[in-house]
Amino acid sequence: MRGLNAATTGFVSWENDGIREHRPTSADAASHPTIAATATALPPHTITRDDVKYYMGRVFDIPERKLEAMMSIVDNAQVHKRHSIFRLITR
């Protein structure tokens, strides 16, 4: 095992069985942020695929031909549920 100068690089490096490893020194590791945990947050309201199709033509002034193309995209996207920060006004 062969070490390099950790004072100038902030890392300790060595070769072990032909594999070069680099690890931060304890002083260097303390000065860098780390990720403690991850989470997913979703808005509270959901919109179904049928809701999107129902309201798309009513909310946006889209010519019939383009509306049909957009409905096809919604159907083929395989997104069954979307999340929104706003509550959808029901039919």
N, C-alpha and C. Protein backbone atom coordinates (compact mmCIF):
# COMPACT_ATOMS: atom_id res chain seq x y z
N MET A 1 0.84 -1.16 0.00
CA MET A 1 0.00 0.00 0.00
C MET A 1 0.89 1.24 0.00
N ARG A 2 0.58 2.26 -0.84
CA ARG A 2 1.43 3.43 -0.96
C ARG A 2 0.55 4.66 -0.79
N GLY A 3 0.84 5.55 0.18
CA GLY A 3 0.05 6.75 0.42
C GLY A 3 0.63 7.96 -0.28
N LEU A 4 -0.23 8.97 -0.60
CA LEU A 4 0.21 10.22 -1.18
C LEU A 4 0.10 11.32 -0.13
N ASN A 5 0.44 12.53 -0.50
CA ASN A 5 0.46 13.64 0.44
C ASN A 5 -0.96 14.16 0.69
N ALA A 6 -1.55 13.79 1.81
CA ALA A 6 -2.91 14.18 2.13
C ALA A 6 -3.01 15.66 2.49
N ALA A 7 -1.93 16.25 2.93
CA ALA A 7 -1.96 17.67 3.31
C ALA A 7 -2.19 18.56 2.10
N THR A 8 -1.70 18.21 0.94
CA THR A 8 -1.86 19.06 -0.24
C THR A 8 -3.07 18.66 -1.09
N THR A 9 -3.46 17.38 -1.07
CA THR A 9 -4.56 16.94 -1.92
C THR A 9 -5.89 16.90 -1.20
N GLY A 10 -5.89 16.73 0.12
CA GLY A 10 -7.13 16.57 0.86
C GLY A 10 -7.66 15.15 0.76
N PHE A 11 -6.95 14.31 0.02
CA PHE A 11 -7.35 12.92 -0.15
C PHE A 11 -6.20 12.01 0.18
N VAL A 12 -6.50 10.84 0.63
CA VAL A 12 -5.51 9.79 0.82
C VAL A 12 -5.70 8.83 -0.34
N SER A 13 -4.63 8.56 -1.07
CA SER A 13 -4.70 7.64 -2.21
C SER A 13 -3.71 6.51 -2.01
N TRP A 14 -4.10 5.35 -2.47
CA TRP A 14 -3.19 4.22 -2.43
C TRP A 14 -3.61 3.21 -3.47
N GLU A 15 -2.68 2.33 -3.78
CA GLU A 15 -2.99 1.22 -4.67
C GLU A 15 -2.97 -0.05 -3.86
N ASN A 16 -4.01 -0.85 -4.08
CA ASN A 16 -4.11 -2.11 -3.38
C ASN A 16 -4.54 -3.15 -4.40
N ASP A 17 -3.70 -4.11 -4.69
CA ASP A 17 -3.97 -5.13 -5.69
C ASP A 17 -4.30 -4.53 -7.05
N GLY A 18 -3.59 -3.46 -7.42
CA GLY A 18 -3.78 -2.83 -8.71
C GLY A 18 -4.98 -1.89 -8.80
N ILE A 19 -5.71 -1.72 -7.70
CA ILE A 19 -6.88 -0.83 -7.68
C ILE A 19 -6.50 0.44 -6.94
N ARG A 20 -6.65 1.57 -7.62
CA ARG A 20 -6.32 2.85 -6.99
C ARG A 20 -7.55 3.35 -6.23
N GLU A 21 -7.40 3.67 -4.97
CA GLU A 21 -8.50 4.16 -4.15
C GLU A 21 -8.19 5.57 -3.68
N HIS A 22 -9.23 6.39 -3.64
CA HIS A 22 -9.12 7.78 -3.16
C HIS A 22 -10.19 7.97 -2.11
N ARG A 23 -9.81 8.41 -0.96
CA ARG A 23 -10.78 8.70 0.10
C ARG A 23 -10.42 10.03 0.72
N PRO A 24 -11.43 10.84 1.07
CA PRO A 24 -11.13 12.13 1.70
C PRO A 24 -10.56 11.92 3.09
N THR A 25 -9.67 12.82 3.47
CA THR A 25 -9.16 12.78 4.84
C THR A 25 -10.27 13.25 5.77
N SER A 26 -10.15 13.00 7.05
CA SER A 26 -11.21 13.37 7.99
C SER A 26 -11.43 14.88 8.02
N ALA A 27 -10.37 15.68 7.89
CA ALA A 27 -10.52 17.14 7.88
C ALA A 27 -11.25 17.59 6.62
N ASP A 28 -10.96 16.97 5.47
CA ASP A 28 -11.61 17.32 4.22
C ASP A 28 -13.07 16.89 4.24
N ALA A 29 -13.37 15.72 4.76
CA ALA A 29 -14.75 15.23 4.81
C ALA A 29 -15.61 16.11 5.68
N ALA A 30 -15.07 16.66 6.74
CA ALA A 30 -15.84 17.51 7.65
C ALA A 30 -16.20 18.84 7.00
N SER A 31 -15.46 19.29 5.99
CA SER A 31 -15.72 20.59 5.38
C SER A 31 -16.69 20.52 4.20
N HIS A 32 -17.09 19.32 3.78
CA HIS A 32 -18.00 19.17 2.66
C HIS A 32 -19.37 18.71 3.15
N PRO A 33 -20.43 19.24 2.55
CA PRO A 33 -21.78 18.80 2.96
C PRO A 33 -22.04 17.37 2.53
N THR A 34 -22.91 16.70 3.26
CA THR A 34 -23.30 15.34 2.92
C THR A 34 -24.82 15.27 2.87
N ILE A 35 -25.34 14.31 2.14
CA ILE A 35 -26.78 14.10 2.06
C ILE A 35 -27.15 13.14 3.19
N ALA A 36 -27.98 13.62 4.11
CA ALA A 36 -28.37 12.80 5.25
C ALA A 36 -29.57 11.92 4.93
N ALA A 37 -30.51 12.42 4.10
CA ALA A 37 -31.70 11.64 3.75
C ALA A 37 -32.35 12.25 2.51
N THR A 38 -33.19 11.48 1.86
CA THR A 38 -33.95 11.97 0.72
C THR A 38 -35.43 11.68 0.96
N ALA A 39 -36.28 12.46 0.29
CA ALA A 39 -37.73 12.26 0.41
C ALA A 39 -38.40 12.80 -0.85
N THR A 40 -39.63 12.38 -1.04
CA THR A 40 -40.42 12.87 -2.16
C THR A 40 -41.65 13.57 -1.60
N ALA A 41 -41.88 14.78 -2.08
CA ALA A 41 -43.06 15.53 -1.66
C ALA A 41 -43.94 15.76 -2.87
N LEU A 42 -45.21 15.47 -2.73
CA LEU A 42 -46.15 15.66 -3.82
C LEU A 42 -47.23 16.65 -3.40
N PRO A 43 -47.69 17.47 -4.34
CA PRO A 43 -48.81 18.36 -4.03
C PRO A 43 -50.03 17.54 -3.60
N PRO A 44 -50.93 18.13 -2.84
CA PRO A 44 -52.02 17.36 -2.23
C PRO A 44 -53.15 16.94 -3.16
N HIS A 45 -53.31 17.58 -4.30
CA HIS A 45 -54.46 17.30 -5.15
C HIS A 45 -54.04 16.46 -6.36
N THR A 46 -54.92 15.55 -6.77
CA THR A 46 -54.63 14.71 -7.92
C THR A 46 -55.63 14.97 -9.05
N ILE A 47 -55.15 14.75 -10.27
CA ILE A 47 -55.96 14.90 -11.47
C ILE A 47 -55.80 13.62 -12.27
N THR A 48 -56.89 12.99 -12.63
CA THR A 48 -56.82 11.75 -13.39
C THR A 48 -56.68 12.05 -14.89
N ARG A 49 -56.39 11.04 -15.64
CA ARG A 49 -56.28 11.17 -17.10
C ARG A 49 -57.62 11.63 -17.68
N ASP A 50 -58.71 11.10 -17.17
CA ASP A 50 -60.03 11.50 -17.65
C ASP A 50 -60.31 12.97 -17.35
N ASP A 51 -59.86 13.45 -16.19
CA ASP A 51 -60.01 14.88 -15.86
C ASP A 51 -59.27 15.75 -16.86
N VAL A 52 -58.04 15.34 -17.19
CA VAL A 52 -57.23 16.12 -18.15
C VAL A 52 -57.95 16.19 -19.49
N LYS A 53 -58.44 15.06 -19.94
CA LYS A 53 -59.12 15.03 -21.24
C LYS A 53 -60.41 15.85 -21.21
N TYR A 54 -61.13 15.80 -20.11
CA TYR A 54 -62.40 16.53 -20.00
C TYR A 54 -62.17 18.04 -20.04
N TYR A 55 -61.18 18.51 -19.28
CA TYR A 55 -60.98 19.95 -19.14
C TYR A 55 -60.08 20.58 -20.21
N MET A 56 -59.29 19.79 -20.90
CA MET A 56 -58.34 20.36 -21.86
C MET A 56 -59.04 21.21 -22.93
N GLY A 57 -60.08 20.68 -23.52
CA GLY A 57 -60.79 21.43 -24.55
C GLY A 57 -61.63 22.57 -24.01
N ARG A 58 -61.99 22.50 -22.74
CA ARG A 58 -62.81 23.55 -22.13
C ARG A 58 -61.97 24.73 -21.62
N VAL A 59 -60.75 24.44 -21.21
CA VAL A 59 -59.88 25.48 -20.65
C VAL A 59 -59.11 26.21 -21.75
N PHE A 60 -58.63 25.47 -22.74
CA PHE A 60 -57.81 26.05 -23.79
C PHE A 60 -58.60 26.15 -25.09
N ASP A 61 -58.42 27.24 -25.79
CA ASP A 61 -59.08 27.44 -27.08
C ASP A 61 -58.21 26.77 -28.15
N ILE A 62 -58.49 25.48 -28.39
CA ILE A 62 -57.68 24.67 -29.30
C ILE A 62 -58.57 24.21 -30.46
N PRO A 63 -58.10 24.35 -31.69
CA PRO A 63 -58.87 23.80 -32.82
C PRO A 63 -59.10 22.30 -32.66
N GLU A 64 -60.20 21.82 -33.17
CA GLU A 64 -60.60 20.41 -32.99
C GLU A 64 -59.52 19.42 -33.40
N ARG A 65 -58.86 19.67 -34.52
CA ARG A 65 -57.82 18.74 -35.01
C ARG A 65 -56.66 18.65 -34.03
N LYS A 66 -56.21 19.79 -33.51
CA LYS A 66 -55.11 19.78 -32.54
C LYS A 66 -55.55 19.17 -31.21
N LEU A 67 -56.81 19.40 -30.84
CA LEU A 67 -57.33 18.83 -29.60
C LEU A 67 -57.33 17.29 -29.68
N GLU A 68 -57.72 16.75 -30.81
CA GLU A 68 -57.69 15.29 -30.99
C GLU A 68 -56.26 14.76 -30.88
N ALA A 69 -55.31 15.47 -31.46
CA ALA A 69 -53.91 15.05 -31.37
C ALA A 69 -53.42 15.10 -29.92
N MET A 70 -53.82 16.14 -29.19
CA MET A 70 -53.42 16.24 -27.78
C MET A 70 -54.06 15.15 -26.94
N MET A 71 -55.30 14.79 -27.24
CA MET A 71 -55.97 13.70 -26.52
C MET A 71 -55.23 12.38 -26.75
N SER A 72 -54.74 12.19 -27.96
CA SER A 72 -53.97 10.99 -28.26
C SER A 72 -52.68 10.96 -27.45
N ILE A 73 -52.05 12.10 -27.32
CA ILE A 73 -50.82 12.19 -26.51
C ILE A 73 -51.12 11.87 -25.06
N VAL A 74 -52.21 12.42 -24.53
CA VAL A 74 -52.60 12.15 -23.14
C VAL A 74 -52.85 10.65 -22.95
N ASP A 75 -53.56 10.04 -23.89
CA ASP A 75 -53.85 8.61 -23.79
C ASP A 75 -52.59 7.76 -23.84
N ASN A 76 -51.67 8.09 -24.72
CA ASN A 76 -50.47 7.27 -24.91
C ASN A 76 -49.34 7.58 -23.94
N ALA A 77 -49.48 8.60 -23.13
CA ALA A 77 -48.43 8.97 -22.18
C ALA A 77 -48.33 7.99 -21.02
N GLN A 78 -49.38 7.21 -20.81
CA GLN A 78 -49.41 6.25 -19.71
C GLN A 78 -49.27 6.90 -18.33
N VAL A 79 -49.67 8.18 -18.24
CA VAL A 79 -49.70 8.87 -16.95
C VAL A 79 -51.14 8.81 -16.47
N HIS A 80 -51.39 8.04 -15.44
CA HIS A 80 -52.76 7.83 -14.98
C HIS A 80 -53.20 8.87 -13.96
N LYS A 81 -52.24 9.46 -13.27
CA LYS A 81 -52.57 10.42 -12.21
C LYS A 81 -51.51 11.51 -12.18
N ARG A 82 -51.96 12.76 -12.12
CA ARG A 82 -51.05 13.90 -12.01
C ARG A 82 -51.32 14.60 -10.69
N HIS A 83 -50.34 15.35 -10.22
CA HIS A 83 -50.48 16.05 -8.94
C HIS A 83 -50.50 17.55 -9.19
N SER A 84 -51.28 18.26 -8.39
CA SER A 84 -51.44 19.69 -8.56
C SER A 84 -51.49 20.39 -7.21
N ILE A 85 -51.02 21.63 -7.18
CA ILE A 85 -51.14 22.41 -5.94
C ILE A 85 -52.53 23.01 -5.81
N PHE A 86 -53.28 23.02 -6.92
CA PHE A 86 -54.63 23.57 -6.91
C PHE A 86 -55.66 22.46 -6.98
N ARG A 87 -56.77 22.63 -6.30
CA ARG A 87 -57.86 21.69 -6.35
C ARG A 87 -58.61 21.89 -7.66
N LEU A 88 -58.98 20.81 -8.30
CA LEU A 88 -59.72 20.87 -9.56
C LEU A 88 -61.19 21.09 -9.24
N ILE A 89 -61.80 22.06 -9.88
CA ILE A 89 -63.23 22.30 -9.68
C ILE A 89 -63.97 21.16 -10.38
N THR A 90 -64.76 20.45 -9.65
CA THR A 90 -65.41 19.25 -10.22
C THR A 90 -66.51 19.62 -11.19
N ARG A 91 -66.84 18.66 -12.01
CA ARG A 91 -67.84 18.85 -13.07
C ARG A 91 -69.21 19.08 -12.53
